[in-house]
Protein backbone atom coordinates (compact mmCIF):
# COMPACT_ATOMS: atom_id res chain seq x y z
CA MET A 1 180.73 151.01 70.39
CA THR A 2 179.12 154.16 68.99
CA ALA A 3 177.05 156.59 71.06
CA ILE A 4 173.85 155.28 69.46
CA GLU A 5 174.82 151.68 70.19
CA GLN A 6 175.44 152.67 73.79
CA THR A 7 171.98 154.22 73.84
CA GLU A 8 170.45 150.93 72.74
CA ALA A 9 172.49 148.96 75.26
CA ALA A 10 171.67 151.26 78.16
CA ARG A 11 168.10 152.31 77.37
CA PRO A 12 166.22 150.52 80.25
CA ARG A 13 165.35 153.18 82.83
CA GLY A 14 167.15 153.00 86.15
CA THR A 15 170.39 151.43 84.91
CA ARG A 16 173.39 153.02 86.62
CA LEU A 17 176.27 153.86 84.31
CA PRO A 18 179.67 155.49 84.80
CA ARG A 19 179.46 159.20 84.07
CA ARG A 20 181.28 159.03 80.74
CA ALA A 21 179.18 156.09 79.56
CA ARG A 22 176.00 157.92 80.59
CA ARG A 23 177.10 161.04 78.73
CA ASN A 24 177.78 159.02 75.58
CA GLN A 25 174.42 157.31 75.93
CA LEU A 26 172.65 160.66 76.24
CA LEU A 27 174.50 161.99 73.19
CA GLY A 28 173.38 158.93 71.23
CA ALA A 29 169.77 159.50 72.23
CA ALA A 30 170.03 163.19 71.39
CA GLN A 31 171.46 162.38 67.97
CA GLU A 32 168.52 160.13 67.17
CA VAL A 33 166.04 162.82 68.19
CA PHE A 34 167.81 165.78 66.55
CA VAL A 35 168.33 163.92 63.28
CA ALA A 36 164.71 162.76 63.17
CA GLN A 37 163.04 165.99 64.33
CA GLY A 38 165.51 168.82 63.87
CA TYR A 39 166.65 171.10 66.67
CA HIS A 40 163.56 173.27 66.95
CA SER A 41 161.07 170.40 67.10
CA ALA A 42 163.12 168.29 69.50
CA ALA A 43 162.42 168.54 73.21
CA MET A 44 164.50 167.53 76.19
CA ASP A 45 161.56 165.35 77.24
CA ASP A 46 161.92 163.44 73.97
CA ILE A 47 165.64 162.95 74.49
CA ALA A 48 165.23 161.79 78.10
CA GLU A 49 162.52 159.36 77.04
CA ARG A 50 164.66 158.05 74.18
CA ALA A 51 167.57 157.52 76.58
CA GLY A 52 165.38 155.92 79.22
CA VAL A 53 166.33 158.42 81.92
CA SER A 54 164.58 161.14 83.87
CA LYS A 55 164.93 164.78 82.86
CA PRO A 56 166.93 165.57 86.03
CA VAL A 57 169.52 162.99 84.97
CA LEU A 58 169.71 164.60 81.53
CA TYR A 59 170.15 168.06 83.05
CA GLN A 60 172.93 166.76 85.31
CA HIS A 61 175.02 166.31 82.18
CA PHE A 62 173.75 169.11 79.93
CA PRO A 63 172.26 172.37 81.29
CA GLY A 64 170.07 172.91 78.22
CA LYS A 65 169.14 171.78 74.73
CA LEU A 66 171.62 174.07 73.00
CA GLU A 67 174.53 172.82 75.12
CA LEU A 68 173.54 169.24 74.30
CA TYR A 69 173.33 170.04 70.59
CA LEU A 70 176.73 171.77 70.63
CA ALA A 71 178.36 168.83 72.40
CA LEU A 72 176.98 166.52 69.75
CA LEU A 73 178.07 168.87 66.97
CA ASP A 74 181.60 169.06 68.42
CA GLN A 75 181.79 165.27 68.47
CA HIS A 76 180.76 164.84 64.85
CA CYS A 77 182.78 167.75 63.49
CA GLU A 78 185.83 166.13 65.05
CA SER A 79 184.87 162.79 63.48
CA LEU A 80 184.72 164.37 60.02
CA LEU A 81 188.04 166.15 60.43
CA HIS A 82 189.70 162.95 61.67
CA ALA A 83 188.31 161.01 58.69
CA VAL A 84 189.64 163.56 56.19
CA ARG A 85 193.08 163.73 57.81
CA THR A 86 193.28 159.94 57.97
CA ALA A 87 192.38 159.67 54.28
CA LEU A 88 195.02 162.21 53.29
CA ALA A 89 197.67 160.35 55.29
CA SER A 90 196.66 156.91 54.03
CA THR A 91 198.82 156.96 50.90
CA THR A 92 201.42 158.99 49.03
CA ASP A 93 199.82 158.20 45.67
CA ASN A 94 197.96 161.40 44.86
CA LYS A 95 195.17 159.85 42.79
CA GLN A 96 194.49 157.32 45.55
CA ARG A 97 194.67 160.15 48.06
CA VAL A 98 191.95 162.04 46.20
CA ALA A 99 189.81 158.88 46.10
CA ALA A 100 190.35 158.21 49.82
CA THR A 101 189.39 161.77 50.70
CA MET A 102 186.26 161.64 48.55
CA ASP A 103 185.35 158.32 50.16
CA ALA A 104 185.80 159.81 53.63
CA TYR A 105 183.00 162.27 52.87
CA PHE A 106 180.79 159.56 51.38
CA ALA A 107 181.33 157.27 54.38
CA TYR A 108 180.57 160.14 56.75
CA VAL A 109 177.32 160.93 54.95
CA GLU A 110 176.35 157.27 54.64
CA ASP A 111 176.72 156.55 58.35
CA GLU A 112 173.38 155.22 59.56
CA GLY A 113 173.30 157.61 62.50
CA GLY A 114 172.72 160.53 60.14
CA ALA A 115 175.17 162.78 62.00
CA PHE A 116 176.07 164.59 58.78
CA ARG A 117 172.66 166.28 58.93
CA LEU A 118 173.75 168.08 62.10
CA VAL A 119 176.87 169.38 60.36
CA PHE A 120 175.74 170.03 56.77
CA GLU A 121 171.95 170.39 57.09
CA SER A 122 171.42 171.92 60.51
CA ASP A 123 168.26 173.95 61.08
CA LEU A 124 170.17 176.04 63.63
CA THR A 125 172.79 177.79 61.49
CA ASN A 126 171.38 181.15 62.59
CA GLU A 127 172.84 180.36 66.02
CA PRO A 128 176.38 181.84 66.08
CA ALA A 129 177.87 178.97 68.10
CA VAL A 130 176.55 176.42 65.60
CA ARG A 131 177.57 178.43 62.55
CA GLU A 132 181.07 178.93 63.97
CA ARG A 133 181.55 175.18 64.46
CA VAL A 134 180.27 174.26 61.00
CA GLU A 135 182.42 176.91 59.32
CA ARG A 136 185.44 175.91 61.40
CA VAL A 137 185.32 172.21 60.49
CA SER A 138 184.85 173.05 56.81
CA LEU A 139 187.88 175.35 57.03
CA GLN A 140 189.96 172.77 58.91
CA CYS A 141 189.18 170.07 56.34
CA ALA A 142 190.07 172.47 53.54
CA GLU A 143 193.32 173.41 55.29
CA ALA A 144 194.29 169.75 55.59
CA ILE A 145 193.67 169.24 51.87
CA SER A 146 195.37 172.53 51.02
CA ASP A 147 198.57 171.55 52.83
CA VAL A 148 198.91 168.48 50.61
CA ILE A 149 198.18 170.42 47.42
CA ALA A 150 200.71 173.12 48.29
CA GLU A 151 203.39 170.59 49.20
CA ASP A 152 202.95 168.57 46.01
CA THR A 153 202.39 171.33 43.47
CA GLY A 154 204.24 174.34 44.81
CA LEU A 155 201.12 176.48 44.40
CA SER A 156 200.77 179.39 46.79
CA LYS A 157 198.91 179.00 50.05
CA GLU A 158 196.01 181.05 48.70
CA GLU A 159 195.80 179.09 45.43
CA SER A 160 196.00 175.75 47.23
CA MET A 161 193.29 176.78 49.66
CA LEU A 162 190.98 177.80 46.82
CA LEU A 163 191.35 174.37 45.22
CA ALA A 164 190.94 172.62 48.58
CA VAL A 165 187.70 174.42 49.36
CA GLY A 166 186.43 173.35 45.95
CA LEU A 167 187.38 169.69 46.45
CA GLY A 168 185.88 169.53 49.94
CA GLY A 169 182.72 171.32 48.90
CA VAL A 170 182.17 169.11 45.88
CA SER A 171 182.76 166.00 47.97
CA GLN A 172 180.16 166.74 50.63
CA VAL A 173 177.54 168.13 48.23
CA VAL A 174 177.78 165.17 45.85
CA ALA A 175 177.85 162.68 48.73
CA ARG A 176 174.65 164.16 50.14
CA TYR A 177 173.00 164.14 46.72
CA TRP A 178 174.07 160.51 46.21
CA LEU A 179 172.49 159.49 49.50
CA SER A 180 169.23 161.41 49.01
CA SER A 181 168.74 160.47 45.36
CA GLU A 182 168.63 156.71 46.05
CA SER A 183 170.05 156.26 42.54
CA GLY A 184 171.23 152.74 43.18
CA ILE A 185 174.81 153.63 42.33
CA PRO A 186 177.09 151.76 44.77
CA ARG A 187 179.24 153.96 46.97
CA ASP A 188 182.52 152.74 45.48
CA LYS A 189 181.25 153.50 41.98
CA ALA A 190 180.05 156.96 43.00
CA VAL A 191 183.43 157.69 44.59
CA GLN A 192 185.20 156.43 41.46
CA LEU A 193 183.14 158.73 39.23
CA LEU A 194 183.71 161.78 41.40
CA THR A 195 187.41 160.98 41.77
CA SER A 196 187.74 160.77 37.97
CA LEU A 197 186.17 164.22 37.65
CA ALA A 198 188.31 165.77 40.37
CA TRP A 199 191.50 164.09 39.23
CA ARG A 200 191.16 165.42 35.68
CA GLY A 201 191.38 168.88 37.22
CA ILE A 202 193.95 168.47 39.98
CA ALA A 203 196.31 166.33 37.87
CA GLY A 204 196.65 169.26 35.48
CA PHE A 205 198.85 171.03 38.03
CA PRO A 206 202.47 169.91 37.77
CA LEU A 207 204.24 168.35 40.72
CA HIS A 208 206.48 170.59 42.80
CA GLY A 209 209.56 171.38 40.74
CA GLY A 210 207.74 171.59 37.43
CA GLU A 211 207.60 167.88 36.65
CA PRO A 212 204.43 166.76 34.88
CA HIS A 213 202.18 164.49 36.88
CA PRO A 214 202.93 160.84 35.96
CA ASP A 215 199.30 160.06 35.22
CA GLY A 216 197.98 163.55 34.55
CA LEU A 217 195.55 164.07 31.67
């Protein structure tokens, strides 16, 4: 059950929940409010009302709005990193690995909770703690991709990282455009198109040892 689903299940005021369940419920309510209103327009009153709790209950778990936002950001940055790492480990076929990684970004952006807006479209990036988390997850995702590129191609760490930053950046930017444009292109088709573009580039680098890629172009 997601945090937002727990919010729906536990919304009636006065319901007693275990501490962890209550925390997850509050995070789900906060996500709804922050995604809909942005950080600056959201108020703790709004979040407490959405969760169906009193403000004192909310403050028992989170001392302020920033701490609540950071807890939510930590949760969703970790979700993105886990999705990318899982995609990279899902196959040893490199073309399928590229497609799986691209799809991980698309799935993350498509999630109905809209958590990607907190990571990629935050209105609080002038806050150092927020900026540090966003930059860190982008770097960690790129490092995960870079490790695979370096292992398979024999490119240097610096060269592999440059390519990885490009692949990750393209994935999240195109995924966000795809969602906002309402083009009608199905997700699997969009991923296929982007994978074809990325693969034409990455397949041009020979496998480690100088062997040409079996399906390079």
